[in-house]
C-alpha cells in the first residue's frame, strides 16, 4: 500500500520537532544564563565521548537557512522549545531582551515562510540558578515557572496560537531526579516524588497562565509513551508490566484529568502525599485542548525481586533478538497504535497530536548523500499504525517527526542521529537525507514533487 498524507484527511497537521538545548548552541551568547544542561554536559564522563551542547547545530545563527530548508521540504508546522535561561538568565526577575528578540526573529521568519510555530515552554533546560535553589524539588518553582510562562506568552502570544507546557515530564524527572543520568544528576525516590508533584502542579498552573493571557490559545502538554508488554504470561510478569505502564503512561495525565495520582494502581506513589498541600488535587487539573503523545518503542517487562520499589525490570531489546535503532530501542510500529488507543480511552482527552516520533541510526554521507532506508521504513511502518488508529476513531489529528536535523542527543551525545537532515558538526554543513525526500513526497501531491537542494 502506498501511504500518502492525504489518507489522513485534509485537516491533519504535519510538522517537525526540535528543542532549544539540542540545537541552538550559543550557550553563553547574548546574556543567556546557564542551564542545568550547560553545567551537566560540560562535566567529564557525564555524556558519551565527553560531548556537550555548547555549539550543537548552531541553530541560533543558522535558523534562517534551516527554516528555508524546512520550507523547501513542504513542512508547514515547526515545534520548537524556548530556552528558559535565554529569556530569564536567573530563572526569574530580569528579562533578557536579547533572548526575547531571538525568538521574535525566529517566530517572525517562520510566519514569513508560511510555517506555523508550535512552542514548547519547557524542554528540560532549567536555569542553573534555580537548580541551586532545589530546582524541581523546591515548591517555589511553581511561582518561578508561571512567571516565565507569563513572559513568553506576553512576548510571543500575539503571533503564536499553539503552546505545549512541558516536554516528557517523566523523562526529565526520572532521569534527572531519580536515576541521575540526566541533568541535574540527582538520585533517589524523595527527589523524584517531590519533582513529580511540583512538575504536575506547573503543568496545570502554566496552562492556566496561557489561558488567562491568551483565551483562544491551543494549549497542550506532551508525554513520553511506550506500549508495555509482560515478558511472559505469568501473573508476576503481568503485574510488573501493569505497574510500569502506570509509571510510564499514566502518572502525569491522570492528575490533569481530575483523577488524582494513580495511587491505587501503584501504591508506592502514595509517598507523594508528603509534598501535597490542601487543595493541591484541584490545582493539578487543567482541561487541555490537546495531548502530545511521543512514542519511539515499546517496553517488555518482567518481575524482578531485586529491583527497589517497583519489583519490575525492563528486558533490554538487544537481548530479545528484535530490530533496533542506534539507541538500542526496539522498532515496533504497533506500539504507537497501542499508546494512541490507550490515551483515546480517557474521555477527558479532546484531541491527540503525535508530537515526537522518529528513529536514530548511525548515518554516514557517501558522495554527498545519506541513504537512510532504515529510517524511511521506520516512518512507513509507524505512520501506517497511526492511520490504523485514526481509521478506528482515535482522536489523532497531527504528527510531528523527531527530528528536523540531527542534534545533541542528551547523554548519548552526537552519535545517534534522528534527523531528516544530516548535520556535519565539524563545519555545520546540512545534507538532506533520503528520508527527507521521502517525507516531502509523502506530504506533496506526487506529480508536483521536486527535490530541494541536497546540501547547504
Protein backbone atom coordinates (compact mmCIF):
# COMPACT_ATOMS: atom_id res chain seq x y z
CA UNK A 1 0.00 0.00 0.00
CA UNK A 2 1.34 3.44 -0.99
CA UNK A 3 0.90 5.68 2.02
CA UNK A 4 0.24 9.39 1.46
CA UNK A 5 -0.59 12.31 3.74
CA UNK A 6 -3.97 12.73 2.03
CA UNK A 7 -5.02 9.40 3.53
CA UNK A 8 -5.17 11.14 6.93
CA UNK A 9 -7.56 13.90 5.85
CA UNK A 10 -7.03 17.47 4.70
CA UNK A 11 -7.03 18.95 8.23
CA UNK A 12 -4.38 16.61 9.66
CA UNK A 13 -1.37 18.57 10.94
CA UNK A 14 2.11 17.61 9.69
CA UNK A 15 5.32 19.01 11.12
CA UNK A 16 8.78 18.51 12.59
CA UNK A 17 10.11 18.97 16.11
CA UNK A 18 13.26 20.22 17.81
CA UNK A 19 14.37 21.59 21.17
CA UNK A 20 16.44 24.57 22.24
CA UNK A 21 19.33 22.91 24.05
CA UNK A 22 19.71 20.18 21.45
CA UNK A 23 20.04 22.58 18.52
CA UNK A 24 20.65 26.21 19.38
CA UNK A 25 24.23 26.25 20.66
CA UNK A 26 25.29 29.82 21.54
CA UNK A 27 25.19 28.66 25.16
CA UNK A 28 26.79 31.86 26.51
CA UNK A 29 25.82 34.33 23.80
CA UNK A 30 23.73 37.50 24.20
CA UNK A 31 23.48 37.39 28.00
CA UNK A 32 21.97 33.90 28.12
CA UNK A 33 22.16 32.31 31.57
CA UNK A 34 23.48 28.81 32.12
CA UNK A 35 21.07 25.90 32.30
CA UNK A 36 21.40 22.59 34.13
CA UNK A 37 22.38 21.01 30.80
CA UNK A 38 25.09 23.60 30.22
CA UNK A 39 26.63 22.51 33.50
CA UNK A 40 25.90 18.77 33.26
CA UNK A 41 27.16 18.26 29.69
CA UNK A 42 30.41 20.06 30.45
CA UNK A 43 31.29 17.70 33.30
CA UNK A 44 33.64 14.85 32.46
CA UNK A 45 32.17 11.40 31.86
CA UNK A 46 28.55 12.57 32.01
CA UNK A 47 28.00 12.49 28.24
CA UNK A 48 29.19 9.91 25.71
CA UNK A 49 32.59 10.89 24.28
CA UNK A 50 32.51 13.96 26.56
CA UNK A 51 30.29 15.76 24.05
CA UNK A 52 28.34 18.86 25.09
CA UNK A 53 25.67 21.12 23.65
CA UNK A 54 27.72 24.32 23.60
CA UNK A 55 27.52 24.59 19.81
CA UNK A 56 25.11 21.78 18.78
CA UNK A 57 23.55 22.67 15.39
CA UNK A 58 24.34 26.35 15.79
CA UNK A 59 20.64 26.95 15.15
CA UNK A 60 20.89 30.27 17.00
CA UNK A 61 22.83 31.59 14.00
CA UNK A 62 21.62 29.14 11.29
CA UNK A 63 17.88 29.38 11.91
CA UNK A 64 17.15 31.39 8.76
CA UNK A 65 18.75 28.87 6.41
CA UNK A 66 17.27 25.95 8.34
CA UNK A 67 13.78 27.38 8.08
CA UNK A 68 14.20 27.94 4.33
CA UNK A 69 15.30 24.33 4.04
CA UNK A 70 12.23 23.31 6.01
CA UNK A 71 10.01 25.31 3.68
CA UNK A 72 11.62 23.70 0.61
CA UNK A 73 10.67 20.29 2.04
CA UNK A 74 7.00 21.26 2.23
CA UNK A 75 6.92 21.33 6.04
CA UNK A 76 4.35 23.79 7.36
CA UNK A 77 4.49 23.28 11.14
CA UNK A 78 7.55 23.61 13.36
CA UNK A 79 7.57 22.60 17.01
CA UNK A 80 10.46 24.13 18.95
CA UNK A 81 11.17 24.99 22.56
CA UNK A 82 12.19 28.19 24.26
CA UNK A 83 15.28 28.27 26.45
CA UNK A 84 14.12 29.48 29.86
CA UNK A 85 17.65 30.67 30.69
CA UNK A 86 17.81 32.69 27.46
CA UNK A 87 14.65 34.58 28.48
CA UNK A 88 15.30 34.82 32.24
CA UNK A 89 19.04 34.22 32.88
CA UNK A 90 18.46 33.78 36.61
CA UNK A 91 15.22 31.85 36.14
CA UNK A 92 13.12 34.77 37.35
CA UNK A 93 13.42 38.51 37.73
CA UNK A 94 15.17 40.49 34.99
CA UNK A 95 14.11 39.64 31.43
CA UNK A 96 16.87 39.29 28.82
CA UNK A 97 15.59 41.35 25.90
CA UNK A 98 18.22 39.88 23.57
CA UNK A 99 16.81 36.43 24.23
CA UNK A 100 13.27 37.67 23.59
CA UNK A 101 14.48 39.28 20.37
CA UNK A 102 15.95 35.99 19.11
CA UNK A 103 12.65 34.17 19.49
CA UNK A 104 10.78 37.10 17.97
CA UNK A 105 13.02 36.86 14.91
CA UNK A 106 12.59 33.08 14.78
CA UNK A 107 8.79 33.28 15.03
CA UNK A 108 8.55 36.10 12.50
CA UNK A 109 10.69 34.23 9.99
CA UNK A 110 8.57 31.11 10.42
CA UNK A 111 5.45 33.13 9.61
CA UNK A 112 7.11 34.84 6.64
CA UNK A 113 7.85 31.39 5.17
CA UNK A 114 4.36 30.04 5.80
CA UNK A 115 5.47 27.84 8.71
CA UNK A 116 3.26 27.75 11.80
CA UNK A 117 5.21 27.87 15.10
CA UNK A 118 4.30 25.46 17.91
CA UNK A 119 6.06 26.41 21.14
CA UNK A 120 7.14 24.06 23.91
CA UNK A 121 7.78 26.10 27.03
CA UNK A 122 9.96 23.60 28.90
CA UNK A 123 12.18 21.04 27.21
CA UNK A 124 14.48 20.10 30.09
CA UNK A 125 16.89 23.08 30.25
CA UNK A 126 16.11 24.51 33.70
CA UNK A 127 18.09 27.66 34.56
CA UNK A 128 21.07 26.66 36.69
CA UNK A 129 20.37 29.41 39.22
CA UNK A 130 17.03 27.77 40.03
CA UNK A 131 18.62 24.35 40.41
CA UNK A 132 20.93 25.85 43.02
CA UNK A 133 17.75 26.53 45.00
CA UNK A 134 16.49 22.97 44.60
CA UNK A 135 15.08 23.15 41.09
CA UNK A 136 12.03 20.95 40.61
CA UNK A 137 12.28 19.66 44.19
CA UNK A 138 11.51 23.17 45.51
CA UNK A 139 7.82 24.12 45.50
CA UNK A 140 8.81 27.72 44.76
CA UNK A 141 9.34 26.56 41.20
CA UNK A 142 5.60 26.89 40.63
CA UNK A 143 5.98 30.64 41.09
CA UNK A 144 9.16 30.81 39.02
CA UNK A 145 7.65 28.77 36.21
CA UNK A 146 4.43 30.75 35.96
CA UNK A 147 6.48 33.97 35.82
CA UNK A 148 8.48 32.52 32.91
CA UNK A 149 5.33 31.35 31.12
CA UNK A 150 3.79 34.79 31.53
CA UNK A 151 6.83 36.49 29.98
CA UNK A 152 6.74 34.12 26.99
CA UNK A 153 3.02 34.47 26.35
CA UNK A 154 3.12 38.26 26.64
CA UNK A 155 6.15 38.38 24.31
CA UNK A 156 5.01 35.93 21.62
CA UNK A 157 1.29 35.30 22.08
CA UNK A 158 0.24 37.88 19.51
CA UNK A 159 1.67 35.58 16.79
CA UNK A 160 1.71 32.11 18.37
CA UNK A 161 -1.50 30.17 18.94
CA UNK A 162 -0.17 26.66 19.70
CA UNK A 163 1.50 26.04 23.06
CA UNK A 164 2.85 23.00 24.90
CA UNK A 165 3.62 23.41 28.58
CA UNK A 166 6.08 20.58 29.21
CA UNK A 167 8.06 18.01 27.28
CA UNK A 168 8.01 14.47 28.68
CA UNK A 169 7.83 15.13 32.42
CA UNK A 170 8.51 11.51 33.36
CA UNK A 171 11.81 11.53 31.49
CA UNK A 172 13.25 14.70 32.96
CA UNK A 173 12.10 13.84 36.48
CA UNK A 174 13.03 10.15 36.25
CA UNK A 175 16.38 10.50 34.50
CA UNK A 176 17.31 13.78 36.19
CA UNK A 177 16.00 13.38 39.75
CA UNK A 178 15.77 9.60 40.31
CA UNK A 179 18.44 7.87 38.21
CA UNK A 180 20.83 10.81 37.94
CA UNK A 181 21.80 10.03 34.34
CA UNK A 182 20.45 13.35 33.00
CA UNK A 183 20.80 16.87 34.33
CA UNK A 184 20.88 17.84 37.12
CA UNK A 185 22.15 14.38 38.13
CA UNK A 186 20.15 13.92 41.32
CA UNK A 187 19.16 10.49 42.61
CA UNK A 188 16.65 8.98 44.99
CA UNK A 189 12.93 8.43 45.43
CA UNK A 190 12.38 11.53 47.57
CA UNK A 191 13.92 13.81 44.93
CA UNK A 192 11.85 12.11 42.25
CA UNK A 193 8.49 12.32 44.03
CA UNK A 194 8.99 15.95 45.04
CA UNK A 195 9.92 16.81 41.45
CA UNK A 196 6.95 14.86 40.08
CA UNK A 197 4.47 16.77 42.21
CA UNK A 198 5.89 20.20 41.52
CA UNK A 199 6.12 19.43 37.80
CA UNK A 200 2.49 18.29 37.76
CA UNK A 201 1.45 21.50 39.51
CA UNK A 202 3.40 23.50 36.93
CA UNK A 203 1.80 21.52 34.12
CA UNK A 204 -1.61 22.86 35.15
CA UNK A 205 -0.60 26.27 36.51
CA UNK A 206 1.42 27.05 33.40
CA UNK A 207 -1.55 26.15 31.23
CA UNK A 208 -3.81 28.41 33.30
CA UNK A 209 -1.43 31.32 32.75
CA UNK A 210 -1.62 30.78 28.99
CA UNK A 211 -5.43 30.53 29.08
CA UNK A 212 -5.77 33.71 31.16
CA UNK A 213 -3.48 35.73 28.92
CA UNK A 214 -4.48 34.14 25.62
CA UNK A 215 -8.05 32.80 25.82
CA UNK A 216 -8.07 31.48 22.24
CA UNK A 217 -4.77 29.62 22.51
CA UNK A 218 -4.50 25.94 21.59
CA UNK A 219 -2.96 24.53 24.77
CA UNK A 220 -1.43 21.12 25.32
CA UNK A 221 1.38 19.29 27.04
CA UNK A 222 3.39 16.24 25.94
CA UNK A 223 4.10 12.80 27.37
CA UNK A 224 6.64 10.11 26.57
CA UNK A 225 4.59 6.99 25.95
CA UNK A 226 5.57 3.36 25.48
CA UNK A 227 3.40 0.32 24.98
CA UNK A 228 4.24 -2.18 27.73
CA UNK A 229 4.06 -5.96 27.37
CA UNK A 230 4.79 -8.62 30.00
CA UNK A 231 7.77 -10.87 29.27
CA UNK A 232 5.67 -13.97 29.93
CA UNK A 233 2.04 -14.69 30.76
CA UNK A 234 2.88 -15.34 34.40
CA UNK A 235 0.86 -13.37 36.95
CA UNK A 236 4.03 -11.77 38.33
CA UNK A 237 5.19 -10.53 34.92
CA UNK A 238 1.71 -9.25 34.08
CA UNK A 239 1.59 -7.34 37.38
CA UNK A 240 5.10 -5.96 36.77
CA UNK A 241 4.06 -4.75 33.32
CA UNK A 242 0.92 -3.13 34.75
CA UNK A 243 3.00 -1.15 37.26
CA UNK A 244 5.45 0.00 34.60
CA UNK A 245 2.53 1.08 32.39
CA UNK A 246 1.20 3.22 35.25
CA UNK A 247 4.60 4.83 35.70
CA UNK A 248 5.39 5.40 32.02
CA UNK A 249 1.98 6.32 30.67
CA UNK A 250 -0.42 7.46 33.40
CA UNK A 251 1.42 9.24 36.20
CA UNK A 252 1.12 12.79 34.81
CA UNK A 253 -2.01 12.64 32.67
CA UNK A 254 -4.43 11.29 35.28
CA UNK A 255 -3.96 14.17 37.77
CA UNK A 256 -4.54 16.65 34.94
CA UNK A 257 -7.80 14.89 34.10
CA UNK A 258 -9.05 15.18 37.68
CA UNK A 259 -8.35 11.52 38.50
CA UNK A 260 -5.61 12.30 41.04
CA UNK A 261 -2.36 10.38 41.04
CA UNK A 262 -2.82 6.66 40.30
CA UNK A 263 -2.31 5.68 43.95
CA UNK A 264 -4.47 2.57 43.78
CA UNK A 265 -2.74 1.30 40.67
CA UNK A 266 0.72 1.84 42.16
CA UNK A 267 0.70 2.22 45.97
CA UNK A 268 4.33 3.42 46.05
CA UNK A 269 3.13 6.76 44.66
CA UNK A 270 1.30 7.34 47.97
CA UNK A 271 4.54 8.77 49.28
CA UNK A 272 3.96 11.81 47.07
CA UNK A 273 1.33 12.97 49.60
CA UNK A 274 4.23 14.19 51.74
CA UNK A 275 4.68 17.04 49.24
CA UNK A 276 1.00 17.87 48.77
CA UNK A 277 -0.86 20.75 50.41
CA UNK A 278 -4.58 21.32 50.86
CA UNK A 279 -6.41 21.77 47.56
CA UNK A 280 -3.41 20.58 45.53
CA UNK A 281 -5.53 17.91 43.86
CA UNK A 282 -7.72 20.65 42.40
CA UNK A 283 -4.67 22.63 41.32
CA UNK A 284 -3.36 19.65 39.33
CA UNK A 285 -6.36 19.74 37.00
CA UNK A 286 -6.48 21.51 33.64
CA UNK A 287 -8.73 20.97 30.65
CA UNK A 288 -6.13 20.73 27.88
CA UNK A 289 -7.14 21.31 24.27
CA UNK A 290 -4.83 18.50 23.20
CA UNK A 291 -2.32 15.99 24.48
CA UNK A 292 1.02 15.41 22.77
CA UNK A 293 1.98 11.74 22.57
CA UNK A 294 5.63 10.90 21.96
CA UNK A 295 6.43 7.32 21.07
CA UNK A 296 9.53 5.55 19.83
CA UNK A 297 9.43 1.98 21.06
CA UNK A 298 7.77 -0.50 23.42
CA UNK A 299 8.98 -1.97 26.70
CA UNK A 300 8.90 -5.64 27.70
CA UNK A 301 8.79 -6.11 31.47
CA UNK A 302 9.33 -8.94 33.91
CA UNK A 303 9.01 -9.35 37.66
CA UNK A 304 12.24 -8.61 39.49
CA UNK A 305 12.56 -9.33 43.18
CA UNK A 306 15.75 -7.30 43.42
CA UNK A 307 14.57 -4.06 41.78
CA UNK A 308 13.99 -1.49 44.55
CA UNK A 309 10.50 0.00 44.92
CA UNK A 310 8.95 -1.37 41.71
CA UNK A 311 9.82 -5.11 41.73
CA UNK A 312 9.86 -4.88 37.94
CA UNK A 313 12.61 -4.65 35.36
CA UNK A 314 12.74 -3.95 31.64
CA UNK A 315 14.07 -6.73 29.43
CA UNK A 316 16.51 -4.93 27.15
CA UNK A 317 15.62 -5.01 23.47
CA UNK A 318 19.11 -6.10 22.43
CA UNK A 319 18.55 -9.32 24.40
CA UNK A 320 15.28 -10.11 22.62
CA UNK A 321 16.53 -10.56 19.04
CA UNK A 322 14.42 -7.71 17.64
CA UNK A 323 15.26 -4.92 15.14
CA UNK A 324 16.95 -1.97 16.85
CA UNK A 325 17.72 1.70 16.33
CA UNK A 326 21.04 3.32 17.27
CA UNK A 327 19.53 3.96 20.73
CA UNK A 328 19.10 0.19 21.16
CA UNK A 329 15.34 0.74 21.11
CA UNK A 330 13.12 -1.85 19.52
CA UNK A 331 11.50 -0.91 16.23
CA UNK A 332 7.89 -1.82 17.00
CA UNK A 333 5.37 0.10 14.86
CA UNK A 334 2.33 -1.40 16.59
CA UNK A 335 3.44 0.36 19.76
CA UNK A 336 2.28 3.75 18.52
CA UNK A 337 -1.12 2.29 17.70
CA UNK A 338 -1.46 0.88 21.22
CA UNK A 339 -0.47 4.10 23.00
CA UNK A 340 -2.87 6.12 20.84
CA UNK A 341 -5.64 3.73 21.80
CA UNK A 342 -4.62 3.97 25.46
CA UNK A 343 -4.89 7.77 25.60
CA UNK A 344 -8.03 7.80 23.47
CA UNK A 345 -9.77 5.78 26.20
CA UNK A 346 -9.61 8.76 28.57
CA UNK A 347 -12.86 10.68 27.98
CA UNK A 348 -11.25 13.95 29.12
CA UNK A 349 -8.75 13.98 26.26
CA UNK A 350 -10.21 16.01 23.41
CA UNK A 351 -7.52 15.70 20.77
CA UNK A 352 -4.17 13.94 20.34
CA UNK A 353 -1.14 15.04 18.36
CA UNK A 354 1.91 12.85 17.96
CA UNK A 355 4.46 15.49 18.90
CA UNK A 356 7.50 13.22 18.50
CA UNK A 357 8.19 10.03 16.58
CA UNK A 358 11.35 9.03 14.75
CA UNK A 359 14.43 6.83 14.78
CA UNK A 360 18.15 7.26 15.33
CA UNK A 361 20.69 5.48 13.16
CA UNK A 362 24.43 5.88 12.59
CA UNK A 363 24.07 7.78 9.33
CA UNK A 364 27.12 8.45 7.16
CA UNK A 365 27.24 10.56 3.99
CA UNK A 366 28.52 8.81 0.88
CA UNK A 367 29.29 11.03 -2.12
CA UNK A 368 27.27 13.84 -0.58
CA UNK A 369 24.18 11.71 0.08
CA UNK A 370 22.72 9.95 3.10
CA UNK A 371 20.78 6.89 2.03
CA UNK A 372 18.85 6.13 5.24
CA UNK A 373 16.49 3.43 4.04
CA UNK A 374 16.01 2.13 7.60
CA UNK A 375 14.52 5.45 8.65
CA UNK A 376 12.19 5.53 5.65
CA UNK A 377 10.95 2.06 6.54
CA UNK A 378 10.56 3.17 10.18
CA UNK A 379 8.31 6.07 9.16
CA UNK A 380 6.29 3.91 6.79
CA UNK A 381 5.64 1.34 9.49
CA UNK A 382 4.74 3.79 12.23
CA UNK A 383 2.60 6.04 10.06
CA UNK A 384 0.65 3.02 8.87
CA UNK A 385 -0.20 2.30 12.50
CA UNK A 386 -1.18 5.94 13.11
CA UNK A 387 -3.56 5.71 10.15
CA UNK A 388 -4.93 2.45 11.52
CA UNK A 389 -5.72 4.15 14.83
CA UNK A 390 -7.29 7.14 13.09
CA UNK A 391 -9.48 4.89 10.94
CA UNK A 392 -10.69 3.20 14.13
CA UNK A 393 -11.87 6.52 15.54
CA UNK A 394 -8.89 7.58 17.64
CA UNK A 395 -8.80 11.38 18.02
CA UNK A 396 -5.33 11.73 16.50
CA UNK A 397 -5.10 14.91 14.45
CA UNK A 398 -1.44 15.58 13.82
CA UNK A 399 2.07 14.18 13.54
CA UNK A 400 5.46 15.80 14.17
CA UNK A 401 8.63 13.98 13.16
CA UNK A 402 11.55 13.92 15.56
CA UNK A 403 13.64 15.50 14.39
CA UNK A 404 14.25 18.05 11.67
CA UNK A 405 18.03 17.97 11.98
CA UNK A 406 20.49 15.69 13.72
CA UNK A 407 21.22 17.19 17.12
CA UNK A 408 22.74 16.76 20.57
CA UNK A 409 21.05 13.64 21.91
CA UNK A 410 21.44 14.26 25.66
CA UNK A 411 23.57 11.65 27.45
CA UNK A 412 24.31 9.88 24.15
CA UNK A 413 25.97 12.95 22.62
CA UNK A 414 26.10 13.36 18.85
CA UNK A 415 26.45 9.75 17.70
CA UNK A 416 22.74 8.81 17.40
CA UNK A 417 21.25 10.76 14.50
CA UNK A 418 17.48 11.30 14.46
CA UNK A 419 17.29 13.98 11.79
CA UNK A 420 15.69 14.17 8.40
CA UNK A 421 18.62 16.48 7.69
CA UNK A 422 22.22 15.39 8.33
CA UNK A 423 24.42 17.85 10.23
CA UNK A 424 28.20 17.74 9.96
CA UNK A 425 29.02 19.01 13.44
CA UNK A 426 32.56 19.99 12.40
CA UNK A 427 31.55 22.51 9.74
CA UNK A 428 27.74 22.80 10.26
CA UNK A 429 27.03 21.66 6.70
CA UNK A 430 23.49 20.33 6.15
CA UNK A 431 22.73 17.37 3.85
CA UNK A 432 19.14 16.39 3.17
CA UNK A 433 18.76 12.65 3.78
CA UNK A 434 16.79 10.34 1.53
CA UNK A 435 14.20 10.09 4.32
CA UNK A 436 13.57 13.83 3.94
CA UNK A 437 12.96 13.38 0.22
CA UNK A 438 10.57 10.56 1.07
CA UNK A 439 8.82 12.78 3.64
CA UNK A 440 8.45 15.57 1.08
CA UNK A 441 6.93 13.11 -1.40
CA UNK A 442 4.62 11.87 1.33
CA UNK A 443 3.43 15.42 2.05
CA UNK A 444 3.14 16.60 -1.55
CA UNK A 445 0.94 15.71 -4.49
CA UNK A 446 3.24 13.26 -6.32
CA UNK A 447 3.36 14.86 -9.79
CA UNK A 448 4.40 18.21 -8.27
CA UNK A 449 7.34 16.92 -6.24
CA UNK A 450 10.75 18.46 -6.76
CA UNK A 451 13.84 17.73 -4.76
CA UNK A 452 15.15 20.59 -2.61
CA UNK A 453 18.85 21.39 -2.67
CA UNK A 454 20.66 18.46 -1.03
CA UNK A 455 23.46 20.43 0.62
CA UNK A 456 23.57 23.72 2.48
